């Protein structure tokens, strides 16, 4: 996988879906899917950051670490397999343990091969 990240521009074909992969800069790679989802991953001083863009048609249809994309900032922290959001006044520590950690996936659930 690491060798594939050295490419300048490439495509990944998986049956009916093609993902465009481009190197934006020496430390940055972008991927765009046919559904209009775009992710840019940047390595800066050993830390990874990313920008995710989804089409407006996805509004209200997402869940997870990136929120639910419904325009209501007060209900972004909904733990996995729950329907009620955590309080707006929650601490960073509790966001990590009570929200983020609930979205961990097992090897069985993952789309990646280990």
PDB file of N, CA and C in Angstrom:
ATOM      1  N   UNK A   1       0.821  -1.189   0.000  1.00  0.00           N
ATOM      2  CA  UNK A   1       0.000   0.000   0.000  1.00  0.00           C
ATOM      3  C   UNK A   1       0.864   1.250   0.000  1.00  0.00           C
ATOM      4  N   UNK A   2       1.937   1.276   0.775  1.00  0.00           N
ATOM      5  CA  UNK A   2       2.769   2.470   0.835  1.00  0.00           C
ATOM      6  C   UNK A   2       3.347   2.824  -0.523  1.00  0.00           C
ATOM      7  N   UNK A   3       3.749   1.822  -1.296  1.00  0.00           N
ATOM      8  CA  UNK A   3       4.298   2.101  -2.618  1.00  0.00           C
ATOM      9  C   UNK A   3       3.266   2.744  -3.522  1.00  0.00           C
ATOM     10  N   UNK A   4       1.997   2.351  -3.376  1.00  0.00           N
ATOM     11  CA  UNK A   4       0.942   2.936  -4.191  1.00  0.00           C
ATOM     12  C   UNK A   4       0.762   4.416  -3.883  1.00  0.00           C
ATOM     13  N   UNK A   5       1.078   4.855  -2.674  1.00  0.00           N
ATOM     14  CA  UNK A   5       0.923   6.248  -2.294  1.00  0.00           C
ATOM     15  C   UNK A   5       1.996   7.134  -2.907  1.00  0.00           C
ATOM     16  N   UNK A   6       3.010   6.533  -3.514  1.00  0.00           N
ATOM     17  CA  UNK A   6       4.067   7.304  -4.154  1.00  0.00           C
ATOM     18  C   UNK A   6       3.651   7.822  -5.529  1.00  0.00           C
ATOM     19  N   UNK A   7       2.510   7.382  -6.025  1.00  0.00           N
ATOM     20  CA  UNK A   7       2.079   7.767  -7.362  1.00  0.00           C
ATOM     21  C   UNK A   7       1.712   9.242  -7.432  1.00  0.00           C
ATOM     22  N   UNK A   8       1.796   9.787  -8.627  1.00  0.00           N
ATOM     23  CA  UNK A   8       1.410  11.177  -8.843  1.00  0.00           C
ATOM     24  C   UNK A   8      -0.086  11.249  -9.120  1.00  0.00           C
ATOM     25  N   UNK A   9      -0.567  10.529 -10.092  1.00  0.00           N
ATOM     26  CA  UNK A   9      -1.992  10.448 -10.403  1.00  0.00           C
ATOM     27  C   UNK A   9      -2.317   9.011 -10.765  1.00  0.00           C
ATOM     28  N   UNK A  10      -3.452   8.519 -10.315  1.00  0.00           N
ATOM     29  CA  UNK A  10      -3.814   7.150 -10.608  1.00  0.00           C
ATOM     30  C   UNK A  10      -5.316   6.974 -10.445  1.00  0.00           C
ATOM     31  N   UNK A  11      -5.793   5.819 -10.842  1.00  0.00           N
ATOM     32  CA  UNK A  11      -7.188   5.456 -10.597  1.00  0.00           C
ATOM     33  C   UNK A  11      -7.214   4.074 -10.005  1.00  0.00           C
ATOM     34  N   UNK A  12      -8.245   3.827  -9.217  1.00  0.00           N
ATOM     35  CA  UNK A  12      -8.459   2.509  -8.632  1.00  0.00           C
ATOM     36  C   UNK A  12      -9.804   2.029  -9.135  1.00  0.00           C
ATOM     37  N   UNK A  13      -9.812   0.895  -9.804  1.00  0.00           N
ATOM     38  CA  UNK A  13     -11.055   0.343 -10.329  1.00  0.00           C
ATOM     39  C   UNK A  13     -11.450  -0.884  -9.517  1.00  0.00           C
ATOM     40  N   UNK A  14     -12.694  -0.883  -9.064  1.00  0.00           N
ATOM     41  CA  UNK A  14     -13.239  -2.020  -8.337  1.00  0.00           C
ATOM     42  C   UNK A  14     -14.605  -2.306  -8.935  1.00  0.00           C
ATOM     43  N   UNK A  15     -14.655  -3.174  -9.897  1.00  0.00           N
ATOM     44  CA  UNK A  15     -15.853  -3.545 -10.661  1.00  0.00           C
ATOM     45  C   UNK A  15     -16.528  -2.312 -11.239  1.00  0.00           C
ATOM     46  N   UNK A  16     -17.565  -1.797 -10.611  1.00  0.00           N
ATOM     47  CA  UNK A  16     -18.335  -0.708 -11.195  1.00  0.00           C
ATOM     48  C   UNK A  16     -17.970   0.667 -10.653  1.00  0.00           C
ATOM     49  N   UNK A  17     -16.930   0.760  -9.831  1.00  0.00           N
ATOM     50  CA  UNK A  17     -16.587   2.037  -9.225  1.00  0.00           C
ATOM     51  C   UNK A  17     -15.127   2.389  -9.477  1.00  0.00           C
ATOM     52  N   UNK A  18     -14.882   3.617  -9.892  1.00  0.00           N
ATOM     53  CA  UNK A  18     -13.530   4.093 -10.118  1.00  0.00           C
ATOM     54  C   UNK A  18     -13.249   5.243  -9.161  1.00  0.00           C
ATOM     55  N   UNK A  19     -12.143   5.172  -8.463  1.00  0.00           N
ATOM     56  CA  UNK A  19     -11.731   6.223  -7.544  1.00  0.00           C
ATOM     57  C   UNK A  19     -10.509   6.914  -8.127  1.00  0.00           C
ATOM     58  N   UNK A  20     -10.581   8.222  -8.271  1.00  0.00           N
ATOM     59  CA  UNK A  20      -9.456   9.013  -8.761  1.00  0.00           C
ATOM     60  C   UNK A  20      -8.575   9.388  -7.583  1.00  0.00           C
ATOM     61  N   UNK A  21      -7.281   9.095  -7.693  1.00  0.00           N
ATOM     62  CA  UNK A  21      -6.331   9.396  -6.627  1.00  0.00           C
ATOM     63  C   UNK A  21      -5.283  10.343  -7.199  1.00  0.00           C
ATOM     64  N   UNK A  22      -5.089  11.487  -6.549  1.00  0.00           N
ATOM     65  CA  UNK A  22      -4.098  12.455  -7.011  1.00  0.00           C
ATOM     66  C   UNK A  22      -3.225  12.907  -5.858  1.00  0.00           C
ATOM     67  N   UNK A  23      -1.977  13.196  -6.171  1.00  0.00           N
ATOM     68  CA  UNK A  23      -1.072  13.773  -5.176  1.00  0.00           C
ATOM     69  C   UNK A  23      -1.177  15.283  -5.313  1.00  0.00           C
ATOM     70  N   UNK A  24      -1.718  15.915  -4.281  1.00  0.00           N
ATOM     71  CA  UNK A  24      -1.922  17.363  -4.292  1.00  0.00           C
ATOM     72  C   UNK A  24      -0.619  18.111  -4.010  1.00  0.00           C
ATOM     73  N   UNK A  25       0.206  17.533  -3.164  1.00  0.00           N
ATOM     74  CA  UNK A  25       1.500  18.105  -2.801  1.00  0.00           C
ATOM     75  C   UNK A  25       2.377  16.954  -2.340  1.00  0.00           C
ATOM     76  N   UNK A  26       3.606  17.227  -1.982  1.00  0.00           N
ATOM     77  CA  UNK A  26       4.521  16.186  -1.526  1.00  0.00           C
ATOM     78  C   UNK A  26       3.947  15.407  -0.342  1.00  0.00           C
ATOM     79  N   UNK A  27       3.175  16.087   0.500  1.00  0.00           N
ATOM     80  CA  UNK A  27       2.666  15.457   1.716  1.00  0.00           C
ATOM     81  C   UNK A  27       1.144  15.290   1.715  1.00  0.00           C
ATOM     82  N   UNK A  28       0.510  15.338   0.548  1.00  0.00           N
ATOM     83  CA  UNK A  28      -0.952  15.331   0.507  1.00  0.00           C
ATOM     84  C   UNK A  28      -1.486  14.517  -0.663  1.00  0.00           C
ATOM     85  N   UNK A  29      -2.512  13.697  -0.378  1.00  0.00           N
ATOM     86  CA  UNK A  29      -3.159  12.866  -1.394  1.00  0.00           C
ATOM     87  C   UNK A  29      -4.661  13.100  -1.325  1.00  0.00           C
ATOM     88  N   UNK A  30      -5.302  13.176  -2.480  1.00  0.00           N
ATOM     89  CA  UNK A  30      -6.757  13.325  -2.543  1.00  0.00           C
ATOM     90  C   UNK A  30      -7.368  12.151  -3.279  1.00  0.00           C
ATOM     91  N   UNK A  31      -8.557  11.749  -2.843  1.00  0.00           N
ATOM     92  CA  UNK A  31      -9.325  10.697  -3.491  1.00  0.00           C
ATOM     93  C   UNK A  31     -10.725  11.229  -3.761  1.00  0.00           C
ATOM     94  N   UNK A  32     -11.235  10.958  -4.951  1.00  0.00           N
ATOM     95  CA  UNK A  32     -12.584  11.379  -5.316  1.00  0.00           C
ATOM     96  C   UNK A  32     -13.319  10.163  -5.865  1.00  0.00           C
ATOM     97  N   UNK A  33     -14.536   9.928  -5.342  1.00  0.00           N
ATOM     98  CA  UNK A  33     -15.337   8.791  -5.778  1.00  0.00           C
ATOM     99  C   UNK A  33     -16.404   9.247  -6.764  1.00  0.00           C
ATOM    100  N   UNK A  34     -16.969   8.317  -7.523  1.00  0.00           N
ATOM    101  CA  UNK A  34     -18.052   8.667  -8.449  1.00  0.00           C
ATOM    102  C   UNK A  34     -19.278   9.258  -7.737  1.00  0.00           C
ATOM    103  N   UNK A  35     -19.457   8.939  -6.462  1.00  0.00           N
ATOM    104  CA  UNK A  35     -20.598   9.473  -5.700  1.00  0.00           C
ATOM    105  C   UNK A  35     -20.390  10.930  -5.303  1.00  0.00           C
ATOM    106  N   UNK A  36     -19.196  11.481  -5.589  1.00  0.00           N
ATOM    107  CA  UNK A  36     -18.923  12.873  -5.260  1.00  0.00           C
ATOM    108  C   UNK A  36     -18.282  13.078  -3.911  1.00  0.00           C
ATOM    109  N   UNK A  37     -17.887  11.994  -3.245  1.00  0.00           N
ATOM    110  CA  UNK A  37     -17.205  12.094  -1.961  1.00  0.00           C
ATOM    111  C   UNK A  37     -15.726  12.344  -2.226  1.00  0.00           C
ATOM    112  N   UNK A  38     -15.180  13.321  -1.525  1.00  0.00           N
ATOM    113  CA  UNK A  38     -13.773  13.673  -1.681  1.00  0.00           C
ATOM    114  C   UNK A  38     -13.105  13.666  -0.316  1.00  0.00           C
ATOM    115  N   UNK A  39     -11.909  13.090  -0.257  1.00  0.00           N
ATOM    116  CA  UNK A  39     -11.122  13.131   0.976  1.00  0.00           C
ATOM    117  C   UNK A  39      -9.695  13.513   0.614  1.00  0.00           C
ATOM    118  N   UNK A  40      -9.152  14.447   1.367  1.00  0.00           N
ATOM    119  CA  UNK A  40      -7.760  14.850   1.210  1.00  0.00           C
ATOM    120  C   UNK A  40      -7.043  14.547   2.514  1.00  0.00           C
ATOM    121  N   UNK A  41      -5.952  13.784   2.414  1.00  0.00           N
ATOM    122  CA  UNK A  41      -5.172  13.384   3.582  1.00  0.00           C
ATOM    123  C   UNK A  41      -3.808  14.046   3.480  1.00  0.00           C
ATOM    124  N   UNK A  42      -3.411  14.703   4.564  1.00  0.00           N
ATOM    125  CA  UNK A  42      -2.148  15.432   4.585  1.00  0.00           C
ATOM    126  C   UNK A  42      -1.307  14.982   5.769  1.00  0.00           C
ATOM    127  N   UNK A  43      -0.016  14.743   5.531  1.00  0.00           N
ATOM    128  CA  UNK A  43       0.940  14.414   6.571  1.00  0.00           C
ATOM    129  C   UNK A  43       1.727  15.679   6.879  1.00  0.00           C
ATOM    130  N   UNK A  44       1.601  16.167   8.106  1.00  0.00           N
ATOM    131  CA  UNK A  44       2.305  17.376   8.502  1.00  0.00           C
ATOM    132  C   UNK A  44       2.996  17.142   9.840  1.00  0.00           C
ATOM    133  N   UNK A  45       4.304  17.140   9.814  1.00  0.00           N
ATOM    134  CA  UNK A  45       5.098  16.926  11.029  1.00  0.00           C
ATOM    135  C   UNK A  45       4.727  15.637  11.754  1.00  0.00           C
ATOM    136  N   UNK A  46       4.456  14.573  10.999  1.00  0.00           N
ATOM    137  CA  UNK A  46       4.160  13.278  11.578  1.00  0.00           C
ATOM    138  C   UNK A  46       2.717  13.075  12.006  1.00  0.00           C
ATOM    139  N   UNK A  47       1.882  14.070  11.796  1.00  0.00           N
ATOM    140  CA  UNK A  47       0.464  13.940  12.150  1.00  0.00           C
ATOM    141  C   UNK A  47      -0.366  13.959  10.867  1.00  0.00           C
ATOM    142  N   UNK A  48      -1.382  13.103  10.806  1.00  0.00           N
ATOM    143  CA  UNK A  48      -2.275  13.072   9.655  1.00  0.00           C
ATOM    144  C   UNK A  48      -3.491  13.951   9.917  1.00  0.00           C
ATOM    145  N   UNK A  49      -3.859  14.710   8.917  1.00  0.00           N
ATOM    146  CA  UNK A  49      -5.108  15.465   8.981  1.00  0.00           C
ATOM    147  C   UNK A  49      -5.873  15.157   7.711  1.00  0.00           C
ATOM    148  N   UNK A  50      -7.181  15.364   7.751  1.00  0.00           N
ATOM    149  CA  UNK A  50      -7.948  15.103   6.549  1.00  0.00           C
ATOM    150  C   UNK A  50      -9.128  16.053   6.439  1.00  0.00           C
ATOM    151  N   UNK A  51      -9.542  16.244   5.196  1.00  0.00           N
ATOM    152  CA  UNK A  51     -10.720  17.039   4.883  1.00  0.00           C
ATOM    153  C   UNK A  51     -11.653  16.121   4.106  1.00  0.00           C
ATOM    154  N   UNK A  52     -12.873  16.018   4.568  1.00  0.00           N
ATOM    155  CA  UNK A  52     -13.878  15.182   3.925  1.00  0.00           C
ATOM    156  C   UNK A  52     -14.978  16.081   3.381  1.00  0.00           C
ATOM    157  N   UNK A  53     -15.336  15.887   2.125  1.00  0.00           N
ATOM    158  CA  UNK A  53     -16.420  16.642   1.509  1.00  0.00           C
ATOM    159  C   UNK A  53     -17.412  15.639   0.926  1.00  0.00           C
ATOM    160  N   UNK A  54     -18.675  15.795   1.306  1.00  0.00           N
ATOM    161  CA  UNK A  54     -19.731  14.946   0.760  1.00  0.00           C
ATOM    162  C   UNK A  54     -20.729  15.826   0.027  1.00  0.00           C
ATOM    163  N   UNK A  55     -21.429  15.264  -0.955  1.00  0.00           N
ATOM    164  CA  UNK A  55     -22.384  16.057  -1.724  1.00  0.00           C
ATOM    165  C   UNK A  55     -23.564  16.520  -0.863  1.00  0.00           C
ATOM    166  N   UNK A  56     -24.175  17.645  -1.204  1.00  0.00           N
ATOM    167  CA  UNK A  56     -25.350  18.133  -0.471  1.00  0.00           C
ATOM    168  C   UNK A  56     -26.480  17.110  -0.401  1.00  0.00           C
ATOM    169  N   UNK A  57     -26.564  16.227  -1.382  1.00  0.00           N
ATOM    170  CA  UNK A  57     -27.625  15.211  -1.390  1.00  0.00           C
ATOM    171  C   UNK A  57     -27.486  14.232  -0.224  1.00  0.00           C
ATOM    172  N   UNK A  58     -26.351  14.210   0.451  1.00  0.00           N
ATOM    173  CA  UNK A  58     -26.130  13.337   1.590  1.00  0.00           C
ATOM    174  C   UNK A  58     -26.598  13.967   2.902  1.00  0.00           C
ATOM    175  N   UNK A  59     -27.080  15.208   2.855  1.00  0.00           N
ATOM    176  CA  UNK A  59     -27.488  15.912   4.067  1.00  0.00           C
ATOM    177  C   UNK A  59     -28.515  15.095   4.844  1.00  0.00           C
ATOM    178  N   UNK A  60     -28.217  14.877   6.132  1.00  0.00           N
ATOM    179  CA  UNK A  60     -29.100  14.118   7.003  1.00  0.00           C
ATOM    180  C   UNK A  60     -28.992  12.613   6.858  1.00  0.00           C
ATOM    181  N   UNK A  61     -28.090  12.129   6.002  1.00  0.00           N
ATOM    182  CA  UNK A  61     -27.978  10.690   5.756  1.00  0.00           C
ATOM    183  C   UNK A  61     -26.711  10.069   6.348  1.00  0.00           C
ATOM    184  N   UNK A  62     -25.911  10.859   7.019  1.00  0.00           N
ATOM    185  CA  UNK A  62     -24.644  10.342   7.541  1.00  0.00           C
ATOM    186  C   UNK A  62     -24.698  10.176   9.055  1.00  0.00           C
ATOM    187  N   UNK A  63     -23.840   9.313   9.556  1.00  0.00           N
ATOM    188  CA  UNK A  63     -23.636   9.142  10.991  1.00  0.00           C
ATOM    189  C   UNK A  63     -22.173   8.834  11.218  1.00  0.00           C
ATOM    190  N   UNK A  64     -21.699   9.028  12.428  1.00  0.00           N
ATOM    191  CA  UNK A  64     -20.335   8.638  12.736  1.00  0.00           C
ATOM    192  C   UNK A  64     -19.503   9.751  13.314  1.00  0.00           C
ATOM    193  N   UNK A  65     -18.194   9.566  13.211  1.00  0.00           N
ATOM    194  CA  UNK A  65     -17.252  10.514  13.798  1.00  0.00           C
ATOM    195  C   UNK A  65     -17.345  11.910  13.196  1.00  0.00           C
ATOM    196  N   UNK A  66     -17.802  12.014  11.978  1.00  0.00           N
ATOM    197  CA  UNK A  66     -17.890  13.317  11.316  1.00  0.00           C
ATOM    198  C   UNK A  66     -19.245  13.982  11.530  1.00  0.00           C
ATOM    199  N   UNK A  67     -20.088  13.402  12.361  1.00  0.00           N
ATOM    200  CA  UNK A  67     -21.394  13.988  12.633  1.00  0.00           C
ATOM    201  C   UNK A  67     -22.454  13.463  11.690  1.00  0.00           C
ATOM    202  N   UNK A  68     -23.613  14.102  11.742  1.00  0.00           N
ATOM    203  CA  UNK A  68     -24.733  13.599  10.944  1.00  0.00           C
ATOM    204  C   UNK A  68     -25.133  14.513   9.794  1.00  0.00           C
ATOM    205  N   UNK A  69     -24.442  15.630   9.614  1.00  0.00           N
ATOM    206  CA  UNK A  69     -24.632  16.504   8.448  1.00  0.00           C
ATOM    207  C   UNK A  69     -26.100  16.897   8.265  1.00  0.00           C
ATOM    208  N   UNK A  70     -26.713  17.348   9.387  1.00  0.00           N
ATOM    209  CA  UNK A  70     -28.102  17.785   9.290  1.00  0.00           C
ATOM    210  C   UNK A  70     -28.281  19.271   9.583  1.00  0.00           C
ATOM    211  N   UNK A  71     -27.177  19.980   9.812  1.00  0.00           N
ATOM    212  CA  UNK A  71     -27.245  21.407  10.069  1.00  0.00           C
ATOM    213  C   UNK A  71     -27.474  21.775  11.523  1.00  0.00           C
ATOM    214  N   UNK A  72     -27.670  20.786  12.392  1.00  0.00           N
ATOM    215  CA  UNK A  72     -27.921  21.031  13.801  1.00  0.00           C
ATOM    216  C   UNK A  72     -26.668  20.673  14.593  1.00  0.00           C
ATOM    217  N   UNK A  73     -25.909  21.683  15.021  1.00  0.00           N
ATOM    218  CA  UNK A  73     -24.648  21.431  15.724  1.00  0.00           C
ATOM    219  C   UNK A  73     -24.830  20.830  17.111  1.00  0.00           C
ATOM    220  N   UNK A  74     -26.028  20.880  17.655  1.00  0.00           N
ATOM    221  CA  UNK A  74     -26.232  20.384  19.016  1.00  0.00           C
ATOM    222  C   UNK A  74     -26.415  18.864  19.079  1.00  0.00           C
ATOM    223  N   UNK A  75     -26.495  18.196  17.929  1.00  0.00           N
ATOM    224  CA  UNK A  75     -26.677  16.737  17.965  1.00  0.00           C
ATOM    225  C   UNK A  75     -25.603  15.981  17.187  1.00  0.00           C
ATOM    226  N   UNK A  76     -24.405  16.516  17.189  1.00  0.00           N
ATOM    227  CA  UNK A  76     -23.315  15.886  16.438  1.00  0.00           C
ATOM    228  C   UNK A  76     -22.718  14.672  17.145  1.00  0.00           C
ATOM    229  N   UNK A  77     -22.683  14.668  18.467  1.00  0.00           N
ATOM    230  CA  UNK A  77     -22.005  13.604  19.208  1.00  0.00           C
ATOM    231  C   UNK A  77     -22.986  12.503  19.586  1.00  0.00           C
ATOM    232  N   UNK A  78     -23.377  11.698  18.618  1.00  0.00           N
ATOM    233  CA  UNK A  78     -24.262  10.566  18.875  1.00  0.00           C
ATOM    234  C   UNK A  78     -23.415   9.297  18.871  1.00  0.00           C
ATOM    235  N   UNK A  79     -23.272   8.640  20.028  1.00  0.00           N
ATOM    236  CA  UNK A  79     -22.475   7.412  20.080  1.00  0.00           C
ATOM    237  C   UNK A  79     -23.061   6.328  19.175  1.00  0.00           C
ATOM    238  N   UNK A  80     -22.184   5.448  18.728  1.00  0.00           N
ATOM    239  CA  UNK A  80     -22.590   4.345  17.868  1.00  0.00           C
ATOM    240  C   UNK A  80     -23.682   3.518  18.552  1.00  0.00           C
ATOM    241  N   UNK A  81     -24.661   3.112  17.754  1.00  0.00           N
ATOM    242  CA  UNK A  81     -25.787   2.283  18.197  1.00  0.00           C
ATOM    243  C   UNK A  81     -26.681   2.985  19.221  1.00  0.00           C
ATOM    244  N   UNK A  82     -26.631   4.319  19.248  1.00  0.00           N
ATOM    245  CA  UNK A  82     -27.517   5.095  20.105  1.00  0.00           C
ATOM    246  C   UNK A  82     -28.229   6.146  19.257  1.00  0.00           C
ATOM    247  N   UNK A  83     -29.281   6.729  19.782  1.00  0.00           N
ATOM    248  CA  UNK A  83     -30.027   7.744  19.031  1.00  0.00           C
ATOM    249  C   UNK A  83     -29.968   9.119  19.676  1.00  0.00           C
ATOM    250  N   UNK A  84     -29.625   9.178  20.946  1.00  0.00           N
ATOM    251  CA  UNK A  84     -29.569  10.455  21.660  1.00  0.00           C
ATOM    252  C   UNK A  84     -28.131  10.981  21.682  1.00  0.00           C
ATOM    253  N   UNK A  85     -27.944  12.277  21.352  1.00  0.00           N
ATOM    254  CA  UNK A  85     -26.601  12.849  21.385  1.00  0.00           C
ATOM    255  C   UNK A  85     -26.133  13.103  22.816  1.00  0.00           C
ATOM    256  N   UNK A  86     -24.822  13.189  22.976  1.00  0.00           N
ATOM    257  CA  UNK A  86     -24.247  13.579  24.258  1.00  0.00           C
ATOM    258  C   UNK A  86     -24.474  15.074  24.451  1.00  0.00           C
ATOM    259  N   UNK A  87     -24.367  15.532  25.652  1.00  0.00           N
ATOM    260  CA  UNK A  87     -24.574  16.939  25.990  1.00  0.00           C
ATOM    261  C   UNK A  87     -23.555  17.827  25.281  1.00  0.00           C
ATOM    262  N   UNK A  88     -23.970  19.051  24.943  1.00  0.00           N
ATOM    263  CA  UNK A  88     -23.046  20.027  24.356  1.00  0.00           C
ATOM    264  C   UNK A  88     -21.926  20.394  25.318  1.00  0.00           C
ATOM    265  N   UNK A  89     -22.168  20.256  26.617  1.00  0.00           N
ATOM    266  CA  UNK A  89     -21.205  20.664  27.637  1.00  0.00           C
ATOM    267  C   UNK A  89     -20.212  19.558  27.979  1.00  0.00           C
ATOM    268  N   UNK A  90     -20.150  18.514  27.190  1.00  0.00           N
ATOM    269  CA  UNK A  90     -19.268  17.376  27.484  1.00  0.00           C
ATOM    270  C   UNK A  90     -17.798  17.771  27.330  1.00  0.00           C
ATOM    271  N   UNK A  91     -16.954  17.201  28.174  1.00  0.00           N
ATOM    272  CA  UNK A  91     -15.519  17.503  28.124  1.00  0.00           C
ATOM    273  C   UNK A  91     -14.858  16.780  26.951  1.00  0.00           C
ATOM    274  N   UNK A  92     -13.684  17.259  26.557  1.00  0.00           N
ATOM    275  CA  UNK A  92     -12.926  16.599  25.486  1.00  0.00           C
ATOM    276  C   UNK A  92     -12.627  15.145  25.844  1.00  0.00           C
ATOM    277  N   UNK A  93     -12.286  14.913  27.093  1.00  0.00           N
ATOM    278  CA  UNK A  93     -11.986  13.539  27.547  1.00  0.00           C
ATOM    279  C   UNK A  93     -13.208  12.642  27.351  1.00  0.00           C
ATOM    280  N   UNK A  94     -14.368  13.124  27.734  1.00  0.00           N
ATOM    281  CA  UNK A  94     -15.578  12.318  27.582  1.00  0.00           C
ATOM    282  C   UNK A  94     -16.013  12.194  26.130  1.00  0.00           C
ATOM    283  N   UNK A  95     -15.728  13.196  25.304  1.00  0.00           N
ATOM    284  CA  UNK A  95     -15.993  13.054  23.865  1.00  0.00           C
ATOM    285  C   UNK A  95     -15.200  11.865  23.340  1.00  0.00           C
ATOM    286  N   UNK A  96     -13.945  11.769  23.769  1.00  0.00           N
ATOM    287  CA  UNK A  96     -13.095  10.659  23.333  1.00  0.00           C
ATOM    288  C   UNK A  96     -13.668   9.317  23.774  1.00  0.00           C
ATOM    289  N   UNK A  97     -13.954   9.183  25.076  1.00  0.00           N
ATOM    290  CA  UNK A  97     -14.359   7.889  25.615  1.00  0.00           C
ATOM    291  C   UNK A  97     -15.822   7.554  25.357  1.00  0.00           C
ATOM    292  N   UNK A  98     -16.705   8.507  25.454  1.00  0.00           N
ATOM    293  CA  UNK A  98     -18.140   8.224  25.361  1.00  0.00           C
ATOM    294  C   UNK A  98     -18.692   8.339  23.938  1.00  0.00           C
ATOM    295  N   UNK A  99     -17.910   8.967  23.042  1.00  0.00           N
ATOM    296  CA  UNK A  99     -18.358   9.126  21.659  1.00  0.00           C
ATOM    297  C   UNK A  99     -17.399   8.453  20.691  1.00  0.00           C
ATOM    298  N   UNK A 100     -16.197   8.981  20.591  1.00  0.00           N
ATOM    299  CA  UNK A 100     -15.252   8.503  19.576  1.00  0.00           C
ATOM    300  C   UNK A 100     -14.950   7.017  19.696  1.00  0.00           C
ATOM    301  N   UNK A 101     -14.694   6.550  20.894  1.00  0.00           N
ATOM    302  CA  UNK A 101     -14.346   5.140  21.070  1.00  0.00           C
ATOM    303  C   UNK A 101     -15.488   4.194  20.704  1.00  0.00           C
ATOM    304  N   UNK A 102     -16.732   4.678  20.731  1.00  0.00           N
ATOM    305  CA  UNK A 102     -17.854   3.813  20.343  1.00  0.00           C
ATOM    306  C   UNK A 102     -17.845   3.510  18.854  1.00  0.00           C
ATOM    307  N   UNK A 103     -17.117   4.315  18.081  1.00  0.00           N
ATOM    308  CA  UNK A 103     -17.062   4.126  16.630  1.00  0.00           C
ATOM    309  C   UNK A 103     -15.887   3.259  16.186  1.00  0.00           C
ATOM    310  N   UNK A 104     -15.113   2.709  17.129  1.00  0.00           N
ATOM    311  CA  UNK A 104     -14.067   1.746  16.760  1.00  0.00           C
ATOM    312  C   UNK A 104     -14.699   0.575  16.033  1.00  0.00           C
ATOM    313  N   UNK A 105     -13.995   0.050  15.057  1.00  0.00           N
ATOM    314  CA  UNK A 105     -14.487  -1.125  14.346  1.00  0.00           C
ATOM    315  C   UNK A 105     -13.557  -2.300  14.620  1.00  0.00           C
ATOM    316  N   UNK A 106     -14.119  -3.472  14.597  1.00  0.00           N
ATOM    317  CA  UNK A 106     -13.321  -4.681  14.770  1.00  0.00           C
ATOM    318  C   UNK A 106     -12.729  -5.070  13.415  1.00  0.00           C
ATOM    319  N   UNK A 107     -11.811  -5.995  13.436  1.00  0.00           N
ATOM    320  CA  UNK A 107     -11.239  -6.497  12.193  1.00  0.00           C
ATOM    321  C   UNK A 107     -12.332  -7.087  11.307  1.00  0.00           C
ATOM    322  N   UNK A 108     -13.315  -7.729  11.908  1.00  0.00           N
ATOM    323  CA  UNK A 108     -14.423  -8.327  11.165  1.00  0.00           C
ATOM    324  C   UNK A 108     -15.282  -7.260  10.469  1.00  0.00           C
ATOM    325  N   UNK A 109     -15.458  -6.104  11.095  1.00  0.00           N
ATOM    326  CA  UNK A 109     -16.284  -5.031  10.544  1.00  0.00           C
ATOM    327  C   UNK A 109     -15.557  -4.182   9.512  1.00  0.00           C
ATOM    328  N   UNK A 110     -14.252  -4.185   9.570  1.00  0.00           N
ATOM    329  CA  UNK A 110     -13.435  -3.296   8.736  1.00  0.00           C
ATOM    330  C   UNK A 110     -13.516  -3.645   7.256  1.00  0.00           C
ATOM    331  N   UNK A 111     -13.403  -2.620   6.430  1.00  0.00           N
ATOM    332  CA  UNK A 111     -13.314  -2.823   4.988  1.00  0.00           C
ATOM    333  C   UNK A 111     -11.884  -3.121   4.546  1.00  0.00           C
ATOM    334  N   UNK A 112     -10.931  -2.947   5.479  1.00  0.00           N
ATOM    335  CA  UNK A 112      -9.537  -3.147   5.163  1.00  0.00           C
ATOM    336  C   UNK A 112      -9.091  -4.553   5.525  1.00  0.00           C
ATOM    337  N   UNK A 113      -8.053  -5.023   4.852  1.00  0.00           N
ATOM    338  CA  UNK A 113      -7.478  -6.325   5.120  1.00  0.00           C
ATOM    339  C   UNK A 113      -6.268  -6.147   6.019  1.00  0.00           C
ATOM    340  N   UNK A 114      -6.186  -6.927   7.083  1.00  0.00           N
ATOM    341  CA  UNK A 114      -5.077  -6.825   8.018  1.00  0.00           C
ATOM    342  C   UNK A 114      -4.145  -7.998   7.854  1.00  0.00           C
TER     343      UNK A 114
END
